[in-house]
Amino acid sequence: MTDMQTHRGQGSLPAAPAQGAKRRGRPSKNDKVTYTCENCGTLKTVYAHPNRRYRACSRTCNALLARTTTKKYGQHTHDPNASRKKATQKNHALSHQNMLQRGKCALHPVYNDGQELHVNADNVAMFAWDHIDRTLKTANVARLKTRKAQTVQNEIDKCQLVCHNCHAMKSRQHNDHHPINKPMTS
């Protein structure tokens, strides 16, 4: 067999050996930058750009970084819900403080053979506010969480503190699950 016959189907000449680290063509004038992604920790090498901050390796990581940080390009971004979050936290604390001051479930002795259930920091989530007179009710205390503290306090003053079990039993007995006809105010 001749040399041409051994390479049939692969061109007329044998393939050139691979050129290891040598690049073909002109060398790049742009410098490369190697950085670590702040989200996933991946090392990435890219061509340098004067207006780019190298933080994320992909659009996905960039989106995740934007969600988890409040800083963007060295400046604080405005959180439009910051005042609502702050008001919610204050009113939540106000509600819990009122619960701890009241001390115990108002209806527990009625529904549980005279036993009392006291409020403490560990079981405060077991309690709720129940309106004594539903005709004076403006809104649920929980729905007022983003309002002014005085509005929340005024609504709490119309309520009694009950545990969730007593609240459910009282609501069922008094048909509190049905809507009421409130007097119209002009």
Protein backbone atom coordinates (compact mmCIF):
# COMPACT_ATOMS: atom_id res chain seq x y z
CA MET A 1 0.00 0.00 0.00
CA THR A 2 1.18 3.43 -0.79
CA ASP A 3 1.26 6.37 1.56
CA MET A 4 -1.75 7.92 -0.24
CA GLN A 5 -3.85 4.80 0.18
CA THR A 6 -3.41 4.62 3.97
CA HIS A 7 -4.98 8.07 4.41
CA ARG A 8 -7.97 7.49 2.16
CA GLY A 9 -11.05 9.42 3.25
CA GLN A 10 -8.97 11.68 5.49
CA GLY A 11 -7.49 13.99 2.91
CA SER A 12 -4.39 13.43 0.90
CA LEU A 13 -1.92 14.28 3.66
CA PRO A 14 -1.72 13.22 7.27
CA ALA A 15 -3.16 15.66 9.86
CA ALA A 16 -0.88 18.25 11.32
CA PRO A 17 0.10 17.73 14.95
CA ALA A 18 -1.94 19.71 17.49
CA GLN A 19 -0.53 23.08 18.38
CA GLY A 20 -0.64 23.03 22.19
CA ALA A 21 -0.82 26.48 23.76
CA LYS A 22 -0.04 28.42 20.61
CA ARG A 23 -2.89 30.49 19.18
CA ARG A 24 -3.46 31.05 15.53
CA GLY A 25 -3.84 34.55 14.17
CA ARG A 26 -2.96 37.85 15.76
CA PRO A 27 -2.49 38.02 19.50
CA SER A 28 -5.26 39.88 21.35
CA LYS A 29 -4.58 43.43 22.43
CA ASN A 30 -7.18 43.21 25.22
CA ASP A 31 -6.14 42.04 28.63
CA LYS A 32 -8.02 39.27 30.37
CA VAL A 33 -9.39 39.37 33.89
CA THR A 34 -9.88 36.34 36.14
CA TYR A 35 -12.39 36.75 38.95
CA THR A 36 -14.45 34.68 41.36
CA CYS A 37 -18.26 34.85 41.23
CA GLU A 38 -19.63 36.30 44.49
CA ASN A 39 -22.70 34.06 44.29
CA CYS A 40 -21.44 30.57 43.38
CA GLY A 41 -17.64 30.91 43.73
CA THR A 42 -16.84 29.93 40.12
CA LEU A 43 -13.58 31.20 38.62
CA LYS A 44 -14.14 32.94 35.31
CA THR A 45 -11.73 34.53 32.83
CA VAL A 46 -13.03 37.19 30.46
CA TYR A 47 -11.72 40.08 28.42
CA ALA A 48 -11.35 43.22 30.51
CA HIS A 49 -13.87 46.01 30.10
CA PRO A 50 -13.35 49.44 31.65
CA ASN A 51 -17.00 49.93 32.77
CA ARG A 52 -17.68 46.51 34.23
CA ARG A 53 -17.56 45.27 37.80
CA TYR A 54 -16.75 41.59 37.89
CA ARG A 55 -19.11 40.09 40.46
CA ALA A 56 -21.19 37.38 38.79
CA CYS A 57 -20.35 34.62 36.32
CA SER A 58 -23.75 34.59 34.59
CA ARG A 59 -27.06 36.44 34.35
CA THR A 60 -28.60 33.99 36.80
CA CYS A 61 -25.94 34.66 39.44
CA ASN A 62 -26.25 38.40 38.79
CA ALA A 63 -30.02 38.25 39.38
CA LEU A 64 -29.52 36.27 42.60
CA LEU A 65 -26.95 38.79 43.81
CA ALA A 66 -29.32 41.66 43.07
CA ARG A 67 -32.05 40.01 45.16
CA THR A 68 -29.86 39.24 48.16
CA THR A 69 -27.95 42.51 48.49
CA THR A 70 -29.15 46.03 49.11
CA LYS A 71 -26.13 47.58 47.47
CA LYS A 72 -25.81 47.92 43.73
CA TYR A 73 -22.56 49.16 42.27
CA GLY A 74 -21.45 50.68 45.55
CA GLN A 75 -24.63 52.69 46.19
CA HIS A 76 -27.58 51.86 48.40
CA THR A 77 -30.74 51.18 46.47
CA HIS A 78 -34.04 52.51 47.77
CA ASP A 79 -36.30 49.83 49.24
CA PRO A 80 -39.88 50.99 48.54
CA ASN A 81 -41.28 48.70 51.26
CA ALA A 82 -38.84 49.71 53.99
CA SER A 83 -41.31 51.95 55.85
CA ARG A 84 -44.05 49.29 55.63
CA LYS A 85 -41.69 46.63 56.97
CA LYS A 86 -40.65 48.89 59.83
CA ALA A 87 -44.27 49.71 60.71
CA THR A 88 -45.19 46.02 60.57
CA GLN A 89 -42.38 45.11 62.96
CA LYS A 90 -43.33 47.89 65.39
CA ASN A 91 -47.02 46.98 65.36
CA HIS A 92 -46.22 43.30 65.78
CA ALA A 93 -44.14 44.16 68.85
CA LEU A 94 -46.95 46.44 70.11
CA SER A 95 -49.47 43.61 69.81
CA HIS A 96 -47.20 41.16 71.65
CA GLN A 97 -46.50 43.73 74.37
CA ASN A 98 -50.25 44.19 74.90
CA MET A 99 -50.71 40.42 75.05
CA LEU A 100 -48.03 40.08 77.71
CA GLN A 101 -49.62 42.93 79.72
CA ARG A 102 -53.08 41.36 79.63
CA GLY A 103 -51.54 38.15 80.88
CA LYS A 104 -54.10 35.41 80.23
CA CYS A 105 -56.90 34.14 78.02
CA ALA A 106 -60.16 35.86 78.98
CA LEU A 107 -62.39 32.90 77.99
CA HIS A 108 -60.24 29.94 79.02
CA PRO A 109 -61.92 29.47 82.43
CA VAL A 110 -65.35 29.44 80.72
CA TYR A 111 -64.53 26.74 78.17
CA ASN A 112 -61.98 24.70 80.18
CA ASP A 113 -63.52 24.06 83.64
CA GLY A 114 -61.94 27.05 85.36
CA GLN A 115 -58.37 26.46 84.15
CA GLU A 116 -56.37 29.50 83.14
CA LEU A 117 -53.90 29.86 80.28
CA HIS A 118 -51.23 32.50 80.87
CA VAL A 119 -49.27 34.33 78.19
CA ASN A 120 -45.47 34.22 78.15
CA ALA A 121 -42.82 34.89 75.53
CA ASP A 122 -42.82 31.24 74.41
CA ASN A 123 -46.55 30.80 73.82
CA VAL A 124 -47.56 34.29 72.64
CA ALA A 125 -48.28 32.86 69.17
CA MET A 126 -51.17 30.84 70.67
CA PHE A 127 -53.19 33.99 71.35
CA ALA A 128 -55.38 36.28 69.26
CA TRP A 129 -57.47 39.42 69.62
CA ASP A 130 -61.25 38.96 69.73
CA HIS A 131 -63.55 41.96 69.37
CA ILE A 132 -65.97 42.23 72.29
CA ASP A 133 -68.55 44.21 70.30
CA ARG A 134 -68.38 43.39 66.60
CA THR A 135 -70.39 46.47 65.63
CA LEU A 136 -67.50 48.70 66.78
CA LYS A 137 -64.95 46.67 64.84
CA THR A 138 -63.01 48.67 62.25
CA ALA A 139 -60.74 45.85 61.04
CA ASN A 140 -58.86 42.82 62.25
CA VAL A 141 -55.80 43.77 64.28
CA ALA A 142 -53.63 41.70 61.95
CA ARG A 143 -54.90 43.64 58.92
CA LEU A 144 -53.79 46.92 60.48
CA LYS A 145 -50.16 45.87 60.63
CA THR A 146 -48.93 48.60 58.26
CA ARG A 147 -50.96 51.44 59.82
CA LYS A 148 -49.98 53.88 62.54
CA ALA A 149 -49.34 52.47 66.00
CA GLN A 150 -52.17 54.54 67.52
CA THR A 151 -54.67 53.02 65.07
CA VAL A 152 -53.55 49.53 66.06
CA GLN A 153 -53.72 50.39 69.78
CA ASN A 154 -57.25 51.80 69.40
CA GLU A 155 -58.38 48.55 67.79
CA ILE A 156 -56.66 46.42 70.46
CA ASP A 157 -58.51 48.39 73.14
CA LYS A 158 -61.82 47.13 71.66
CA CYS A 159 -60.69 43.51 72.02
CA GLN A 160 -60.18 40.81 74.59
CA LEU A 161 -57.22 38.44 74.59
CA VAL A 162 -58.15 34.82 73.90
CA CYS A 163 -56.29 31.67 72.93
CA HIS A 164 -57.03 30.29 69.47
CA ASN A 165 -59.08 27.36 70.81
CA CYS A 166 -61.36 29.58 72.89
CA HIS A 167 -61.61 32.04 70.00
CA ALA A 168 -62.83 29.29 67.66
CA MET A 169 -65.36 27.96 70.20
CA LYS A 170 -66.72 31.46 70.99
CA SER A 171 -66.95 32.37 67.29
CA ARG A 172 -68.92 29.18 66.57
CA GLN A 173 -71.32 29.64 69.49
CA HIS A 174 -72.01 33.31 68.73
CA ASN A 175 -72.14 32.84 64.94
CA ASP A 176 -69.26 35.27 64.48
CA HIS A 177 -68.54 33.71 61.11
CA HIS A 178 -71.69 35.38 59.71
CA PRO A 179 -71.49 39.00 58.55
CA ILE A 180 -73.18 41.64 60.68
CA ASN A 181 -75.22 44.68 59.70
CA LYS A 182 -73.32 47.70 60.93
CA PRO A 183 -75.18 50.97 61.44
CA MET A 184 -74.50 53.42 58.62
CA THR A 185 -72.64 56.59 59.58
CA SER A 186 -72.99 59.76 57.55
